[in-house]
Structures are given as C-alpha cells and as structure tokens.
Amino acid sequence: MSVAAHLAELVEKHRALERSIEEEMARPYADTVRVSELKKKKLRLKEEIERIRLERVSLH
C-alpha cells in the first residue's frame, strides 16, 4: 500500500470515528466511557496522520 493510500485510509477512519462520537453524543443517555474510548482512538489516528504528513514533507 502506498503512503498516500495509507494516509487516505487513516483520514477516513478518523472521519468515521468523528461520526461515531457524534452519534453516541446524540443519544439521550450517551455512554461516556464509549465516547472517551472513541475520542482516544481518534486522537491516536490524528497523531499518526500528522506524523506521516510530517515525514512526507521532510522527504521532499
């Protein structure tokens, strides 16, 4: 898998997590533990996306 394809996949997963968080928060009794776990996963993805982007910039 190319770096660009991997990056695109990570960005899509990040967006999917954002949708999941929004859906959970829209519930009358949101599962705060689930929301917290989703937010942590989203943050890890964001950090990985940024790391890859920085590596790509430094290579050029």
PDB file of N, CA and C in Angstrom:
ATOM      1  N   MET A   1       0.856  -1.178   0.000  1.00  0.00           N
ATOM      2  CA  MET A   1       0.000   0.000   0.000  1.00  0.00           C
ATOM      3  C   MET A   1       0.901   1.239   0.000  1.00  0.00           C
ATOM      4  N   SER A   2       0.557   2.170  -0.855  1.00  0.00           N
ATOM      5  CA  SER A   2       1.347   3.398  -0.915  1.00  0.00           C
ATOM      6  C   SER A   2       1.096   4.255   0.326  1.00  0.00           C
ATOM      7  N   VAL A   3       2.002   5.163   0.565  1.00  0.00           N
ATOM      8  CA  VAL A   3       1.865   6.066   1.709  1.00  0.00           C
ATOM      9  C   VAL A   3       0.605   6.909   1.553  1.00  0.00           C
ATOM     10  N   ALA A   4       0.339   7.384   0.337  1.00  0.00           N
ATOM     11  CA  ALA A   4      -0.846   8.213   0.097  1.00  0.00           C
ATOM     12  C   ALA A   4      -2.125   7.428   0.366  1.00  0.00           C
ATOM     13  N   ALA A   5      -2.158   6.167  -0.055  1.00  0.00           N
ATOM     14  CA  ALA A   5      -3.338   5.332   0.181  1.00  0.00           C
ATOM     15  C   ALA A   5      -3.513   5.060   1.671  1.00  0.00           C
ATOM     16  N   HIS A   6      -2.414   4.804   2.343  1.00  0.00           N
ATOM     17  CA  HIS A   6      -2.468   4.566   3.794  1.00  0.00           C
ATOM     18  C   HIS A   6      -2.973   5.816   4.518  1.00  0.00           C
ATOM     19  N   LEU A   7      -2.474   6.958   4.107  1.00  0.00           N
ATOM     20  CA  LEU A   7      -2.897   8.221   4.708  1.00  0.00           C
ATOM     21  C   LEU A   7      -4.386   8.454   4.477  1.00  0.00           C
ATOM     22  N   ALA A   8      -4.857   8.200   3.264  1.00  0.00           N
ATOM     23  CA  ALA A   8      -6.281   8.368   2.948  1.00  0.00           C
ATOM     24  C   ALA A   8      -7.137   7.439   3.801  1.00  0.00           C
ATOM     25  N   GLU A   9      -6.668   6.223   4.016  1.00  0.00           N
ATOM     26  CA  GLU A   9      -7.394   5.265   4.850  1.00  0.00           C
ATOM     27  C   GLU A   9      -7.480   5.761   6.293  1.00  0.00           C
ATOM     28  N   LEU A  10      -6.383   6.289   6.807  1.00  0.00           N
ATOM     29  CA  LEU A  10      -6.377   6.810   8.174  1.00  0.00           C
ATOM     30  C   LEU A  10      -7.319   8.003   8.318  1.00  0.00           C
ATOM     31  N   VAL A  11      -7.326   8.879   7.319  1.00  0.00           N
ATOM     32  CA  VAL A  11      -8.212  10.047   7.351  1.00  0.00           C
ATOM     33  C   VAL A  11      -9.668   9.591   7.355  1.00  0.00           C
ATOM     34  N   GLU A  12      -9.996   8.576   6.568  1.00  0.00           N
ATOM     35  CA  GLU A  12     -11.376   8.077   6.533  1.00  0.00           C
ATOM     36  C   GLU A  12     -11.759   7.446   7.876  1.00  0.00           C
ATOM     37  N   LYS A  13     -10.845   6.714   8.484  1.00  0.00           N
ATOM     38  CA  LYS A  13     -11.114   6.136   9.808  1.00  0.00           C
ATOM     39  C   LYS A  13     -11.340   7.246  10.838  1.00  0.00           C
ATOM     40  N   HIS A  14     -10.558   8.315  10.734  1.00  0.00           N
ATOM     41  CA  HIS A  14     -10.699   9.466  11.634  1.00  0.00           C
ATOM     42  C   HIS A  14     -12.096  10.064  11.486  1.00  0.00           C
ATOM     43  N   ARG A  15     -12.545  10.232  10.243  1.00  0.00           N
ATOM     44  CA  ARG A  15     -13.888  10.778   9.990  1.00  0.00           C
ATOM     45  C   ARG A  15     -14.975   9.849  10.523  1.00  0.00           C
ATOM     46  N   ALA A  16     -14.777   8.550  10.346  1.00  0.00           N
ATOM     47  CA  ALA A  16     -15.754   7.578  10.836  1.00  0.00           C
ATOM     48  C   ALA A  16     -15.853   7.634  12.359  1.00  0.00           C
ATOM     49  N   LEU A  17     -14.721   7.799  13.022  1.00  0.00           N
ATOM     50  CA  LEU A  17     -14.741   7.920  14.479  1.00  0.00           C
ATOM     51  C   LEU A  17     -15.474   9.186  14.903  1.00  0.00           C
ATOM     52  N   GLU A  18     -15.278  10.272  14.173  1.00  0.00           N
ATOM     53  CA  GLU A  18     -15.983  11.522  14.475  1.00  0.00           C
ATOM     54  C   GLU A  18     -17.493  11.312  14.363  1.00  0.00           C
ATOM     55  N   ARG A  19     -17.918  10.607  13.321  1.00  0.00           N
ATOM     56  CA  ARG A  19     -19.355  10.322  13.161  1.00  0.00           C
ATOM     57  C   ARG A  19     -19.866   9.459  14.313  1.00  0.00           C
ATOM     58  N   SER A  20     -19.087   8.465  14.708  1.00  0.00           N
ATOM     59  CA  SER A  20     -19.489   7.592  15.816  1.00  0.00           C
ATOM     60  C   SER A  20     -19.623   8.375  17.117  1.00  0.00           C
ATOM     61  N   ILE A  21     -18.700   9.289  17.349  1.00  0.00           N
ATOM     62  CA  ILE A  21     -18.758  10.128  18.550  1.00  0.00           C
ATOM     63  C   ILE A  21     -20.014  10.993  18.517  1.00  0.00           C
ATOM     64  N   GLU A  22     -20.278  11.609  17.375  1.00  0.00           N
ATOM     65  CA  GLU A  22     -21.468  12.456  17.245  1.00  0.00           C
ATOM     66  C   GLU A  22     -22.746  11.656  17.457  1.00  0.00           C
ATOM     67  N   GLU A  23     -22.796  10.442  16.894  1.00  0.00           N
ATOM     68  CA  GLU A  23     -23.975   9.588  17.065  1.00  0.00           C
ATOM     69  C   GLU A  23     -24.175   9.224  18.532  1.00  0.00           C
ATOM     70  N   GLU A  24     -23.095   8.864  19.195  1.00  0.00           N
ATOM     71  CA  GLU A  24     -23.199   8.486  20.611  1.00  0.00           C
ATOM     72  C   GLU A  24     -23.630   9.679  21.459  1.00  0.00           C
ATOM     73  N   MET A  25     -23.076  10.847  21.171  1.00  0.00           N
ATOM     74  CA  MET A  25     -23.421  12.046  21.943  1.00  0.00           C
ATOM     75  C   MET A  25     -24.869  12.475  21.709  1.00  0.00           C
ATOM     76  N   ALA A  26     -25.446  12.092  20.582  1.00  0.00           N
ATOM     77  CA  ALA A  26     -26.824  12.458  20.268  1.00  0.00           C
ATOM     78  C   ALA A  26     -27.831  11.601  21.033  1.00  0.00           C
ATOM     79  N   ARG A  27     -27.381  10.513  21.591  1.00  0.00           N
ATOM     80  CA  ARG A  27     -28.281   9.645  22.367  1.00  0.00           C
ATOM     81  C   ARG A  27     -28.691  10.351  23.659  1.00  0.00           C
ATOM     82  N   PRO A  28     -29.895  10.054  24.116  1.00  0.00           N
ATOM     83  CA  PRO A  28     -30.343  10.677  25.378  1.00  0.00           C
ATOM     84  C   PRO A  28     -29.418  10.347  26.557  1.00  0.00           C
ATOM     85  N   TYR A  29     -28.923   9.123  26.595  1.00  0.00           N
ATOM     86  CA  TYR A  29     -28.018   8.715  27.670  1.00  0.00           C
ATOM     87  C   TYR A  29     -26.733   8.184  27.039  1.00  0.00           C
ATOM     88  N   ALA A  30     -25.912   9.088  26.601  1.00  0.00           N
ATOM     89  CA  ALA A  30     -24.670   8.711  25.922  1.00  0.00           C
ATOM     90  C   ALA A  30     -23.774   7.913  26.863  1.00  0.00           C
ATOM     91  N   ASP A  31     -23.136   6.908  26.313  1.00  0.00           N
ATOM     92  CA  ASP A  31     -22.182   6.092  27.063  1.00  0.00           C
ATOM     93  C   ASP A  31     -20.858   6.859  27.106  1.00  0.00           C
ATOM     94  N   THR A  32     -20.615   7.512  28.222  1.00  0.00           N
ATOM     95  CA  THR A  32     -19.436   8.377  28.324  1.00  0.00           C
ATOM     96  C   THR A  32     -18.125   7.597  28.237  1.00  0.00           C
ATOM     97  N   VAL A  33     -18.135   6.354  28.682  1.00  0.00           N
ATOM     98  CA  VAL A  33     -16.931   5.526  28.578  1.00  0.00           C
ATOM     99  C   VAL A  33     -16.640   5.242  27.106  1.00  0.00           C
ATOM    100  N   ARG A  34     -17.678   4.897  26.361  1.00  0.00           N
ATOM    101  CA  ARG A  34     -17.515   4.647  24.922  1.00  0.00           C
ATOM    102  C   ARG A  34     -17.041   5.909  24.210  1.00  0.00           C
ATOM    103  N   VAL A  35     -17.636   7.042  24.542  1.00  0.00           N
ATOM    104  CA  VAL A  35     -17.236   8.311  23.921  1.00  0.00           C
ATOM    105  C   VAL A  35     -15.767   8.588  24.213  1.00  0.00           C
ATOM    106  N   SER A  36     -15.357   8.367  25.438  1.00  0.00           N
ATOM    107  CA  SER A  36     -13.964   8.590  25.823  1.00  0.00           C
ATOM    108  C   SER A  36     -13.020   7.681  25.034  1.00  0.00           C
ATOM    109  N   GLU A  37     -13.384   6.411  24.899  1.00  0.00           N
ATOM    110  CA  GLU A  37     -12.559   5.471  24.134  1.00  0.00           C
ATOM    111  C   GLU A  37     -12.472   5.886  22.670  1.00  0.00           C
ATOM    112  N   LEU A  38     -13.606   6.296  22.096  1.00  0.00           N
ATOM    113  CA  LEU A  38     -13.621   6.735  20.700  1.00  0.00           C
ATOM    114  C   LEU A  38     -12.747   7.971  20.505  1.00  0.00           C
ATOM    115  N   LYS A  39     -12.815   8.888  21.456  1.00  0.00           N
ATOM    116  CA  LYS A  39     -12.006  10.107  21.355  1.00  0.00           C
ATOM    117  C   LYS A  39     -10.515   9.786  21.441  1.00  0.00           C
ATOM    118  N   LYS A  40     -10.153   8.825  22.283  1.00  0.00           N
ATOM    119  CA  LYS A  40      -8.748   8.429  22.394  1.00  0.00           C
ATOM    120  C   LYS A  40      -8.259   7.803  21.092  1.00  0.00           C
ATOM    121  N   LYS A  41      -9.094   6.950  20.490  1.00  0.00           N
ATOM    122  CA  LYS A  41      -8.736   6.343  19.209  1.00  0.00           C
ATOM    123  C   LYS A  41      -8.584   7.415  18.137  1.00  0.00           C
ATOM    124  N   LYS A  42      -9.506   8.364  18.153  1.00  0.00           N
ATOM    125  CA  LYS A  42      -9.467   9.450  17.175  1.00  0.00           C
ATOM    126  C   LYS A  42      -8.183  10.261  17.336  1.00  0.00           C
ATOM    127  N   LEU A  43      -7.798  10.542  18.562  1.00  0.00           N
ATOM    128  CA  LEU A  43      -6.574  11.298  18.814  1.00  0.00           C
ATOM    129  C   LEU A  43      -5.346  10.528  18.337  1.00  0.00           C
ATOM    130  N   ARG A  44      -5.302   9.215  18.608  1.00  0.00           N
ATOM    131  CA  ARG A  44      -4.167   8.409  18.140  1.00  0.00           C
ATOM    132  C   ARG A  44      -4.071   8.437  16.614  1.00  0.00           C
ATOM    133  N   LEU A  45      -5.220   8.358  15.944  1.00  0.00           N
ATOM    134  CA  LEU A  45      -5.222   8.437  14.485  1.00  0.00           C
ATOM    135  C   LEU A  45      -4.727   9.796  14.016  1.00  0.00           C
ATOM    136  N   LYS A  46      -5.186  10.847  14.666  1.00  0.00           N
ATOM    137  CA  LYS A  46      -4.763  12.199  14.290  1.00  0.00           C
ATOM    138  C   LYS A  46      -3.252  12.328  14.423  1.00  0.00           C
ATOM    139  N   GLU A  47      -2.709  11.811  15.513  1.00  0.00           N
ATOM    140  CA  GLU A  47      -1.266  11.877  15.729  1.00  0.00           C
ATOM    141  C   GLU A  47      -0.511  11.096  14.659  1.00  0.00           C
ATOM    142  N   GLU A  48      -1.032   9.927  14.288  1.00  0.00           N
ATOM    143  CA  GLU A  48      -0.383   9.131  13.249  1.00  0.00           C
ATOM    144  C   GLU A  48      -0.461   9.834  11.895  1.00  0.00           C
ATOM    145  N   ILE A  49      -1.607  10.431  11.593  1.00  0.00           N
ATOM    146  CA  ILE A  49      -1.774  11.182  10.344  1.00  0.00           C
ATOM    147  C   ILE A  49      -0.758  12.316  10.283  1.00  0.00           C
ATOM    148  N   GLU A  50      -0.633  13.056  11.359  1.00  0.00           N
ATOM    149  CA  GLU A  50       0.315  14.173  11.398  1.00  0.00           C
ATOM    150  C   GLU A  50       1.757  13.693  11.258  1.00  0.00           C
ATOM    151  N   ARG A  51       2.081  12.577  11.902  1.00  0.00           N
ATOM    152  CA  ARG A  51       3.429  12.024  11.809  1.00  0.00           C
ATOM    153  C   ARG A  51       3.755  11.660  10.359  1.00  0.00           C
ATOM    154  N   ILE A  52       2.824  11.012   9.693  1.00  0.00           N
ATOM    155  CA  ILE A  52       3.037  10.625   8.295  1.00  0.00           C
ATOM    156  C   ILE A  52       3.169  11.858   7.412  1.00  0.00           C
ATOM    157  N   ARG A  53       2.320  12.839   7.636  1.00  0.00           N
ATOM    158  CA  ARG A  53       2.394  14.067   6.832  1.00  0.00           C
ATOM    159  C   ARG A  53       3.732  14.773   7.029  1.00  0.00           C
ATOM    160  N   LEU A  54       4.202  14.825   8.258  1.00  0.00           N
ATOM    161  CA  LEU A  54       5.497  15.461   8.529  1.00  0.00           C
ATOM    162  C   LEU A  54       6.645  14.691   7.878  1.00  0.00           C
ATOM    163  N   GLU A  55       6.566  13.369   7.913  1.00  0.00           N
ATOM    164  CA  GLU A  55       7.595  12.548   7.270  1.00  0.00           C
ATOM    165  C   GLU A  55       7.614  12.788   5.766  1.00  0.00           C
ATOM    166  N   ARG A  56       6.432  12.903   5.176  1.00  0.00           N
ATOM    167  CA  ARG A  56       6.347  13.138   3.725  1.00  0.00           C
ATOM    168  C   ARG A  56       6.942  14.495   3.371  1.00  0.00           C
ATOM    169  N   VAL A  57       6.689  15.495   4.196  1.00  0.00           N
ATOM    170  CA  VAL A  57       7.220  16.833   3.936  1.00  0.00           C
ATOM    171  C   VAL A  57       8.742  16.825   4.067  1.00  0.00           C
ATOM    172  N   SER A  58       9.249  16.137   5.067  1.00  0.00           N
ATOM    173  CA  SER A  58      10.700  16.127   5.284  1.00  0.00           C
ATOM    174  C   SER A  58      11.434  15.347   4.194  1.00  0.00           C
ATOM    175  N   LEU A  59      10.746  14.448   3.519  1.00  0.00           N
ATOM    176  CA  LEU A  59      11.367  13.682   2.440  1.00  0.00           C
ATOM    177  C   LEU A  59      11.485  14.492   1.160  1.00  0.00           C
ATOM    178  N   HIS A  60      10.694  15.530   1.033  1.00  0.00           N
ATOM    179  CA  HIS A  60      10.693  16.325  -0.213  1.00  0.00           C
ATOM    180  C   HIS A  60      11.538  17.545  -0.103  1.00  0.00           C
TER     181      HIS A  60
END
